[in-house]
Amino acid sequence: MSDNVYVLDASAIIGGFSSKKSQNFITATVISEIKDFKSKLYLESAIGNGSITIMEPESVDIENVSNIIIKSGDVLRLSDVDKNLVALAFKLKREYKNPLVVTDDYSMQNVLKIVGIPYRSVLTEGINGIYGWVKICKGCKKKYPPEYAFDECEICGTRIIKKRIKKGQ
């Protein structure tokens, strides 16, 4: 890897993070997550002066991330914005850059830890281990795949919940 770059989540923008020494990247969808006036001004200024660049991932990277988050169960918790940011980190890594993702999102950190892309938090402590998510019936404990579309168990009719399971370090 040659160039160090940062991929910034909305929490990085809100927390005022950007590197002066390295390139900073976001996807266009991150802009929609910035709601407060001060952060919007900061982001517009940073894009305007070139300290933050908008870049989109490629379909191959989105597909790779989708496969990983289905296996880990994080598909239940990651938004499309989050998936695109992780996919952008994949793209940058393929382009021989050394991406570091700046996010306070625990599910994003979980996926990044699984695939070995470094991350750091801005406002929170961050995660310690690797976790998965499963859909499980609160009553009879039947497990369902992430794509199961109903909120009630097909066997007993009890509510289905998302449960976190520890997978390792």
Protein backbone atom coordinates (compact mmCIF):
# COMPACT_ATOMS: atom_id res chain seq x y z
CA MET A 1 0.00 0.00 0.00
CA SER A 2 1.35 3.39 -0.86
CA ASP A 3 -1.01 6.28 -0.08
CA ASN A 4 -2.79 6.75 3.23
CA VAL A 5 -6.35 8.01 2.78
CA TYR A 6 -9.40 8.52 5.00
CA VAL A 7 -12.97 7.45 4.30
CA LEU A 8 -15.31 9.61 6.37
CA ASP A 9 -18.70 8.64 7.74
CA ALA A 10 -21.23 11.32 8.74
CA SER A 11 -20.05 10.98 12.36
CA ALA A 12 -16.56 12.07 11.25
CA ILE A 13 -17.99 15.18 9.59
CA ILE A 14 -20.20 15.97 12.60
CA GLY A 15 -17.20 15.42 14.90
CA GLY A 16 -15.13 17.83 12.78
CA PHE A 17 -12.57 15.24 11.62
CA SER A 18 -10.56 15.57 8.44
CA SER A 19 -6.89 15.00 7.81
CA LYS A 20 -4.78 17.89 6.57
CA LYS A 21 -1.96 15.54 5.47
CA SER A 22 -3.97 12.85 3.65
CA GLN A 23 -6.86 12.72 1.20
CA ASN A 24 -10.36 12.49 2.69
CA PHE A 25 -13.18 10.73 0.82
CA ILE A 26 -16.95 10.49 1.25
CA THR A 27 -19.75 9.16 -0.92
CA ALA A 28 -22.48 11.51 -2.13
CA THR A 29 -24.98 9.75 0.15
CA VAL A 30 -23.08 10.90 3.25
CA ILE A 31 -24.17 14.46 2.47
CA SER A 32 -27.82 13.47 3.05
CA GLU A 33 -26.97 12.35 6.60
CA ILE A 34 -25.58 15.74 7.61
CA LYS A 35 -28.46 17.63 9.22
CA ASP A 36 -27.02 20.31 11.50
CA PHE A 37 -26.11 23.71 10.06
CA LYS A 38 -22.53 23.87 11.39
CA SER A 39 -21.63 20.44 9.95
CA LYS A 40 -23.23 21.32 6.59
CA LEU A 41 -21.15 24.50 6.37
CA TYR A 42 -18.00 22.61 7.32
CA LEU A 43 -18.66 19.92 4.71
CA GLU A 44 -19.48 22.41 1.93
CA SER A 45 -16.31 24.34 2.68
CA ALA A 46 -14.16 21.17 2.77
CA ILE A 47 -15.58 19.95 -0.55
CA GLY A 48 -15.12 23.42 -2.03
CA ASN A 49 -11.48 23.72 -1.03
CA GLY A 50 -10.68 20.13 -2.04
CA SER A 51 -9.89 18.75 1.40
CA ILE A 52 -12.80 16.28 1.06
CA THR A 53 -13.48 14.48 -2.23
CA ILE A 54 -16.73 12.79 -3.22
CA MET A 55 -16.10 9.34 -4.73
CA GLU A 56 -18.41 6.40 -5.37
CA PRO A 57 -17.62 2.69 -5.03
CA GLU A 58 -17.81 0.34 -7.99
CA SER A 59 -20.41 -2.40 -8.33
CA VAL A 60 -17.84 -5.14 -7.68
CA ASP A 61 -17.00 -3.56 -4.32
CA ILE A 62 -20.67 -3.18 -3.38
CA GLU A 63 -21.23 -6.85 -4.27
CA ASN A 64 -18.26 -7.94 -2.12
CA VAL A 65 -19.54 -5.94 0.85
CA SER A 66 -23.07 -7.31 0.37
CA ASN A 67 -21.77 -10.89 0.52
CA ILE A 68 -19.77 -10.18 3.67
CA ILE A 69 -22.58 -8.45 5.54
CA ILE A 70 -25.03 -11.24 4.71
CA LYS A 71 -22.62 -13.78 6.25
CA SER A 72 -21.92 -11.62 9.32
CA GLY A 73 -25.58 -10.67 9.86
CA ASP A 74 -24.74 -6.96 9.67
CA VAL A 75 -27.14 -6.75 6.72
CA LEU A 76 -29.78 -6.32 9.42
CA ARG A 77 -28.12 -3.16 10.75
CA LEU A 78 -26.19 -1.38 7.97
CA SER A 79 -27.83 1.35 5.93
CA ASP A 80 -27.15 1.80 2.22
CA VAL A 81 -24.95 4.78 3.08
CA ASP A 82 -22.87 2.57 5.41
CA LYS A 83 -22.57 -0.18 2.78
CA ASN A 84 -21.39 2.33 0.19
CA LEU A 85 -18.73 3.71 2.53
CA VAL A 86 -17.36 0.24 3.29
CA ALA A 87 -17.43 -0.52 -0.46
CA LEU A 88 -15.53 2.72 -1.11
CA ALA A 89 -12.84 1.55 1.34
CA PHE A 90 -12.66 -1.73 -0.64
CA LYS A 91 -12.24 0.25 -3.88
CA LEU A 92 -9.49 2.41 -2.45
CA LYS A 93 -7.69 -0.67 -1.14
CA ARG A 94 -7.87 -2.25 -4.62
CA GLU A 95 -6.31 0.95 -5.98
CA TYR A 96 -3.29 0.40 -3.71
CA LYS A 97 -4.28 3.02 -1.22
CA ASN A 98 -4.28 2.45 2.52
CA PRO A 99 -7.79 3.44 3.66
CA LEU A 100 -8.67 4.19 7.25
CA VAL A 101 -12.41 4.56 7.83
CA VAL A 102 -13.47 7.15 10.39
CA THR A 103 -16.83 6.12 11.86
CA ASP A 104 -18.63 5.78 15.16
CA ASP A 105 -21.01 3.18 13.68
CA TYR A 106 -20.44 -0.12 15.50
CA SER A 107 -21.86 -2.27 12.68
CA MET A 108 -19.52 -0.62 10.16
CA GLN A 109 -16.62 -1.16 12.54
CA ASN A 110 -17.62 -4.81 12.87
CA VAL A 111 -17.54 -5.35 9.09
CA LEU A 112 -14.27 -3.44 8.75
CA LYS A 113 -12.72 -5.57 11.50
CA ILE A 114 -13.86 -8.76 9.72
CA VAL A 115 -12.25 -7.69 6.40
CA GLY A 116 -9.12 -6.19 7.95
CA ILE A 117 -9.62 -2.55 6.95
CA PRO A 118 -8.55 -0.23 9.77
CA TYR A 119 -10.97 2.20 11.36
CA ARG A 120 -11.08 4.75 14.13
CA SER A 121 -13.83 6.42 16.10
CA VAL A 122 -14.41 10.12 16.59
CA LEU A 123 -16.87 10.47 19.46
CA THR A 124 -17.18 6.90 20.81
CA GLU A 125 -14.81 4.23 22.09
CA GLY A 126 -15.37 1.76 19.23
CA ILE A 127 -15.85 -2.01 19.27
CA ASN A 128 -13.64 -4.60 20.94
CA GLY A 129 -14.60 -7.86 19.21
CA ILE A 130 -16.31 -9.19 16.10
CA TYR A 131 -20.06 -9.65 16.32
CA GLY A 132 -22.74 -11.19 14.17
CA TRP A 133 -26.48 -10.60 14.10
CA VAL A 134 -29.23 -13.18 13.82
CA LYS A 135 -33.00 -12.95 13.64
CA ILE A 136 -34.50 -15.13 16.33
CA CYS A 137 -37.99 -15.77 17.66
CA LYS A 138 -38.32 -14.40 21.18
CA GLY A 139 -40.69 -17.26 22.08
CA CYS A 140 -39.56 -20.58 20.55
CA LYS A 141 -36.00 -19.39 19.67
CA LYS A 142 -36.24 -20.43 16.00
CA LYS A 143 -33.51 -18.71 13.95
CA TYR A 144 -34.39 -16.99 10.70
CA PRO A 145 -32.18 -15.85 7.79
CA PRO A 146 -31.49 -12.09 7.49
CA GLU A 147 -33.79 -11.80 4.47
CA TYR A 148 -36.83 -13.18 6.37
CA ALA A 149 -39.33 -10.38 5.82
CA PHE A 150 -41.86 -10.92 8.61
CA ASP A 151 -41.88 -9.62 12.19
CA GLU A 152 -43.61 -12.68 13.66
CA CYS A 153 -42.51 -16.30 13.94
CA GLU A 154 -44.10 -18.67 11.43
CA ILE A 155 -44.24 -21.39 14.11
CA CYS A 156 -45.50 -19.71 17.28
CA GLY A 157 -46.44 -16.18 16.18
CA THR A 158 -44.14 -14.46 18.68
CA ARG A 159 -42.17 -11.34 17.74
CA ILE A 160 -38.82 -11.86 15.95
CA ILE A 161 -35.88 -9.88 17.32
CA LYS A 162 -32.33 -9.13 16.15
CA LYS A 163 -29.80 -10.66 18.53
CA ARG A 164 -26.09 -9.87 18.69
CA ILE A 165 -23.71 -12.83 18.93
CA LYS A 166 -19.97 -12.59 19.57
CA LYS A 167 -17.87 -14.26 16.87
CA GLY A 168 -14.32 -13.57 18.05
CA GLN A 169 -11.64 -10.92 18.09
